[in-house]
N, C-alpha and C. Protein backbone atom coordinates (compact mmCIF):
# COMPACT_ATOMS: atom_id res chain seq x y z
N MET A 1 27.51 6.13 20.89
CA MET A 1 26.11 5.91 21.02
C MET A 1 25.32 7.23 20.91
N ALA A 2 24.30 7.21 20.01
CA ALA A 2 23.47 8.37 19.66
C ALA A 2 22.73 8.73 21.00
N SER A 3 22.78 10.07 21.34
CA SER A 3 22.09 10.72 22.45
C SER A 3 20.63 10.90 22.31
N SER A 4 20.15 10.87 21.04
CA SER A 4 18.69 11.19 20.76
C SER A 4 18.32 10.47 19.62
N SER A 5 17.02 10.41 19.27
CA SER A 5 16.47 9.62 18.20
C SER A 5 16.69 10.14 16.93
N ARG A 6 16.86 11.66 16.91
CA ARG A 6 17.30 12.30 15.65
C ARG A 6 18.51 11.94 15.20
N GLU A 7 19.55 11.81 16.12
CA GLU A 7 20.93 11.35 15.72
C GLU A 7 21.05 9.86 15.10
N LEU A 8 20.17 9.14 15.69
CA LEU A 8 20.03 7.72 15.37
C LEU A 8 19.38 7.56 14.12
N ALA A 9 18.37 8.28 13.75
CA ALA A 9 17.74 8.22 12.49
C ALA A 9 18.43 9.01 11.19
N LYS A 10 19.38 9.83 11.60
CA LYS A 10 20.24 10.61 10.48
C LYS A 10 19.32 11.34 9.70
N VAL A 11 18.18 11.91 10.25
CA VAL A 11 16.99 12.73 9.47
C VAL A 11 17.38 14.14 9.80
N ASP A 12 17.33 15.06 8.86
CA ASP A 12 17.54 16.48 9.09
C ASP A 12 15.96 17.12 9.28
N PRO A 13 15.67 17.75 10.63
CA PRO A 13 14.35 18.13 10.69
C PRO A 13 14.00 19.24 9.83
N ALA A 14 15.00 19.93 9.14
CA ALA A 14 14.72 21.11 8.29
C ALA A 14 14.01 20.50 6.84
N ASP A 15 14.56 19.15 6.45
CA ASP A 15 13.94 18.56 5.41
C ASP A 15 12.76 17.79 5.51
N GLU A 16 12.51 17.16 6.79
CA GLU A 16 11.40 16.45 7.22
C GLU A 16 10.93 16.79 8.46
N PRO A 17 9.84 17.57 8.58
CA PRO A 17 9.56 18.28 9.82
C PRO A 17 8.98 16.96 10.95
N SER A 18 8.55 16.00 10.31
CA SER A 18 8.05 14.92 11.23
C SER A 18 9.10 14.32 12.12
N ALA A 19 10.44 14.57 11.74
CA ALA A 19 11.48 14.05 12.74
C ALA A 19 11.52 14.74 13.98
N GLU A 20 10.94 16.06 13.87
CA GLU A 20 10.87 17.01 15.05
C GLU A 20 10.15 16.18 16.27
N TRP A 21 9.08 15.67 15.90
CA TRP A 21 8.24 15.13 17.01
C TRP A 21 8.27 13.55 17.11
N GLY A 22 9.15 13.00 16.36
CA GLY A 22 9.52 11.45 16.68
C GLY A 22 9.05 10.56 15.56
N TRP A 23 8.05 10.83 14.78
CA TRP A 23 7.59 9.78 13.82
C TRP A 23 8.17 10.17 12.62
N HIS A 24 8.75 9.03 11.93
CA HIS A 24 9.41 9.14 10.61
C HIS A 24 9.32 7.84 9.88
N GLY A 25 8.44 7.75 8.93
CA GLY A 25 8.28 6.34 8.26
C GLY A 25 7.06 6.35 7.43
N THR A 26 6.69 4.96 7.11
CA THR A 26 5.53 4.74 6.33
C THR A 26 4.63 3.69 6.90
N PHE A 27 3.52 3.38 6.37
CA PHE A 27 2.58 2.35 6.90
C PHE A 27 2.91 1.04 5.90
N PRO A 28 3.71 0.20 6.21
CA PRO A 28 4.12 -0.83 5.42
C PRO A 28 2.93 -1.81 5.27
N LYS A 29 1.99 -1.98 6.18
CA LYS A 29 0.98 -3.15 6.13
C LYS A 29 -0.22 -2.57 5.50
N ALA A 30 -0.46 -1.02 5.56
CA ALA A 30 -1.64 -0.43 5.22
C ALA A 30 -1.90 -0.56 3.58
N ILE A 31 -0.90 -0.28 2.96
CA ILE A 31 -1.21 -0.14 1.41
C ILE A 31 -1.56 -1.52 0.84
N PRO A 32 -0.95 -2.66 1.26
CA PRO A 32 -1.51 -3.91 0.71
C PRO A 32 -2.74 -4.20 1.25
N THR A 33 -3.09 -3.92 2.49
CA THR A 33 -4.45 -4.28 3.14
C THR A 33 -5.42 -3.38 2.39
N ALA A 34 -5.18 -2.10 2.06
CA ALA A 34 -6.13 -1.22 1.32
C ALA A 34 -6.26 -1.84 -0.05
N GLY A 35 -5.31 -2.27 -0.67
CA GLY A 35 -5.47 -2.83 -2.19
C GLY A 35 -6.39 -4.13 -2.08
N VAL A 36 -6.26 -5.03 -0.99
CA VAL A 36 -7.04 -6.10 -1.03
C VAL A 36 -8.43 -5.81 -0.76
N VAL A 37 -8.73 -4.89 0.13
CA VAL A 37 -10.17 -4.45 0.40
C VAL A 37 -10.70 -3.68 -0.76
N VAL A 38 -10.21 -2.96 -1.38
CA VAL A 38 -10.57 -2.44 -2.77
C VAL A 38 -10.92 -3.48 -3.77
N ALA A 39 -10.03 -4.44 -3.85
CA ALA A 39 -10.20 -5.22 -4.85
C ALA A 39 -11.47 -6.25 -4.36
N ILE A 40 -11.62 -6.59 -3.26
CA ILE A 40 -12.85 -7.38 -2.70
C ILE A 40 -14.06 -6.57 -2.82
N LEU A 41 -14.15 -5.14 -2.70
CA LEU A 41 -15.32 -4.34 -2.92
C LEU A 41 -15.55 -4.25 -4.38
N LEU A 42 -14.57 -4.04 -5.11
CA LEU A 42 -14.87 -4.15 -6.59
C LEU A 42 -15.52 -5.49 -7.18
N CYS A 43 -15.20 -6.66 -6.48
CA CYS A 43 -15.97 -7.85 -6.79
C CYS A 43 -17.18 -8.06 -6.34
N LEU A 44 -17.43 -7.31 -5.01
CA LEU A 44 -18.74 -7.26 -4.54
C LEU A 44 -19.93 -6.47 -5.33
N ILE A 45 -19.32 -5.58 -6.19
CA ILE A 45 -20.15 -4.82 -7.04
C ILE A 45 -20.84 -5.71 -7.97
N LEU A 46 -20.24 -6.82 -8.27
CA LEU A 46 -20.82 -7.74 -9.37
C LEU A 46 -22.05 -8.50 -8.90
N ILE A 47 -22.43 -8.50 -7.48
CA ILE A 47 -23.53 -9.12 -7.07
C ILE A 47 -24.88 -8.29 -7.58
N GLY A 48 -25.85 -9.02 -8.18
CA GLY A 48 -27.00 -8.42 -8.52
C GLY A 48 -27.26 -8.57 -10.20
N HIS A 49 -28.16 -7.85 -10.54
CA HIS A 49 -28.63 -8.00 -12.13
C HIS A 49 -27.47 -7.40 -12.78
N HIS A 50 -27.21 -7.87 -14.03
CA HIS A 50 -26.11 -7.42 -14.90
C HIS A 50 -26.84 -7.07 -16.24
N ALA A 51 -26.46 -5.80 -16.75
CA ALA A 51 -26.96 -5.42 -18.03
C ALA A 51 -26.17 -5.93 -19.08
N SER A 52 -24.97 -5.86 -18.95
CA SER A 52 -23.95 -6.23 -19.94
C SER A 52 -22.49 -6.76 -19.36
N TRP A 53 -21.70 -7.14 -20.31
CA TRP A 53 -20.30 -7.61 -19.96
C TRP A 53 -19.42 -6.36 -19.50
N THR A 54 -19.82 -5.17 -19.95
CA THR A 54 -19.03 -3.98 -19.74
C THR A 54 -18.75 -3.73 -18.26
N GLU A 55 -19.86 -3.88 -17.50
CA GLU A 55 -19.67 -3.66 -16.07
C GLU A 55 -18.81 -4.56 -15.46
N ILE A 56 -19.02 -5.78 -15.84
CA ILE A 56 -18.04 -6.95 -15.42
C ILE A 56 -16.64 -6.56 -15.60
N LEU A 57 -16.17 -6.02 -16.94
CA LEU A 57 -14.93 -5.84 -17.18
C LEU A 57 -14.36 -4.65 -16.34
N TYR A 58 -15.26 -3.54 -16.12
CA TYR A 58 -14.90 -2.53 -15.30
C TYR A 58 -14.81 -2.77 -13.86
N ALA A 59 -15.14 -3.92 -13.39
CA ALA A 59 -15.07 -4.32 -11.98
C ALA A 59 -13.89 -5.27 -11.86
N VAL A 60 -14.01 -6.27 -12.65
CA VAL A 60 -12.96 -7.32 -12.62
C VAL A 60 -11.59 -6.99 -12.92
N VAL A 61 -11.39 -6.37 -14.09
CA VAL A 61 -10.04 -5.99 -14.66
C VAL A 61 -9.22 -5.12 -13.51
N PRO A 62 -9.87 -4.08 -12.95
CA PRO A 62 -9.21 -3.20 -12.07
C PRO A 62 -8.83 -4.10 -10.71
N ALA A 63 -9.85 -4.99 -10.40
CA ALA A 63 -9.55 -5.83 -9.07
C ALA A 63 -8.24 -6.81 -9.32
N VAL A 64 -8.26 -7.20 -10.41
CA VAL A 64 -7.14 -8.25 -10.87
C VAL A 64 -5.84 -7.49 -10.82
N VAL A 65 -5.87 -6.28 -11.43
CA VAL A 65 -4.71 -5.45 -11.62
C VAL A 65 -4.19 -5.12 -10.17
N ILE A 66 -5.12 -4.57 -9.35
CA ILE A 66 -4.79 -4.37 -7.92
C ILE A 66 -4.18 -5.49 -7.14
N LEU A 67 -4.84 -6.80 -7.28
CA LEU A 67 -4.44 -7.94 -6.61
C LEU A 67 -2.91 -8.31 -6.99
N LEU A 68 -2.74 -8.08 -8.35
CA LEU A 68 -1.37 -8.52 -8.95
C LEU A 68 -0.39 -7.40 -8.39
N ALA A 69 -0.73 -6.19 -8.26
CA ALA A 69 0.28 -5.14 -7.75
C ALA A 69 0.46 -5.44 -6.42
N VAL A 70 -0.56 -5.90 -5.50
CA VAL A 70 -0.31 -6.16 -4.09
C VAL A 70 0.67 -7.41 -4.02
N ILE A 71 0.52 -8.53 -4.82
CA ILE A 71 1.29 -9.68 -4.78
C ILE A 71 2.79 -9.40 -5.33
N VAL A 72 2.84 -8.67 -6.49
CA VAL A 72 4.18 -8.30 -6.77
C VAL A 72 5.06 -7.34 -5.70
N GLY A 73 4.26 -6.42 -5.12
CA GLY A 73 4.75 -5.47 -4.23
C GLY A 73 5.19 -6.39 -2.98
N THR A 74 4.49 -7.43 -2.57
CA THR A 74 4.93 -8.31 -1.30
C THR A 74 6.09 -9.17 -1.73
N LEU A 75 6.11 -9.69 -3.05
CA LEU A 75 7.31 -10.35 -3.30
C LEU A 75 8.49 -9.52 -3.48
N ARG A 76 8.48 -8.30 -4.05
CA ARG A 76 9.60 -7.51 -4.06
C ARG A 76 10.08 -7.08 -2.78
N LYS A 77 9.20 -6.80 -1.87
CA LYS A 77 9.65 -6.24 -0.55
C LYS A 77 10.32 -7.52 0.21
N ARG A 78 9.70 -8.71 -0.12
CA ARG A 78 10.40 -9.83 0.66
C ARG A 78 11.71 -10.19 0.22
N ASN A 79 12.07 -9.91 -1.04
CA ASN A 79 13.42 -10.22 -1.62
C ASN A 79 14.17 -8.88 -1.70
N ASP A 80 13.80 -7.92 -1.04
CA ASP A 80 14.44 -6.58 -1.14
C ASP A 80 15.76 -6.65 -0.32
N TRP A 81 16.92 -6.18 -0.82
CA TRP A 81 18.12 -6.20 -0.25
C TRP A 81 18.36 -5.16 0.87
N ARG A 82 17.37 -4.11 0.81
CA ARG A 82 17.70 -3.17 1.81
C ARG A 82 16.99 -3.25 3.20
N ARG A 83 16.19 -4.38 3.45
CA ARG A 83 15.43 -4.60 4.63
C ARG A 83 16.10 -3.80 5.66
């Protein structure tokens, strides 16, 4: 049995200093949440007077791309063999 969390995680503190004070990882829910929030904000830009279709394209196309990336990332993570 491992005597410390460093032995359990198998992380070399020389390579990754965060292992020294205990935290080592990512924020798995923050990236999709931020993507959805940004896509919603891009769609909220469309409220108001519009001068042309160009501003709609510059707001809607990135919002759709971000939402597709979030959906694909979620599906890939759900079917990931490394869980």
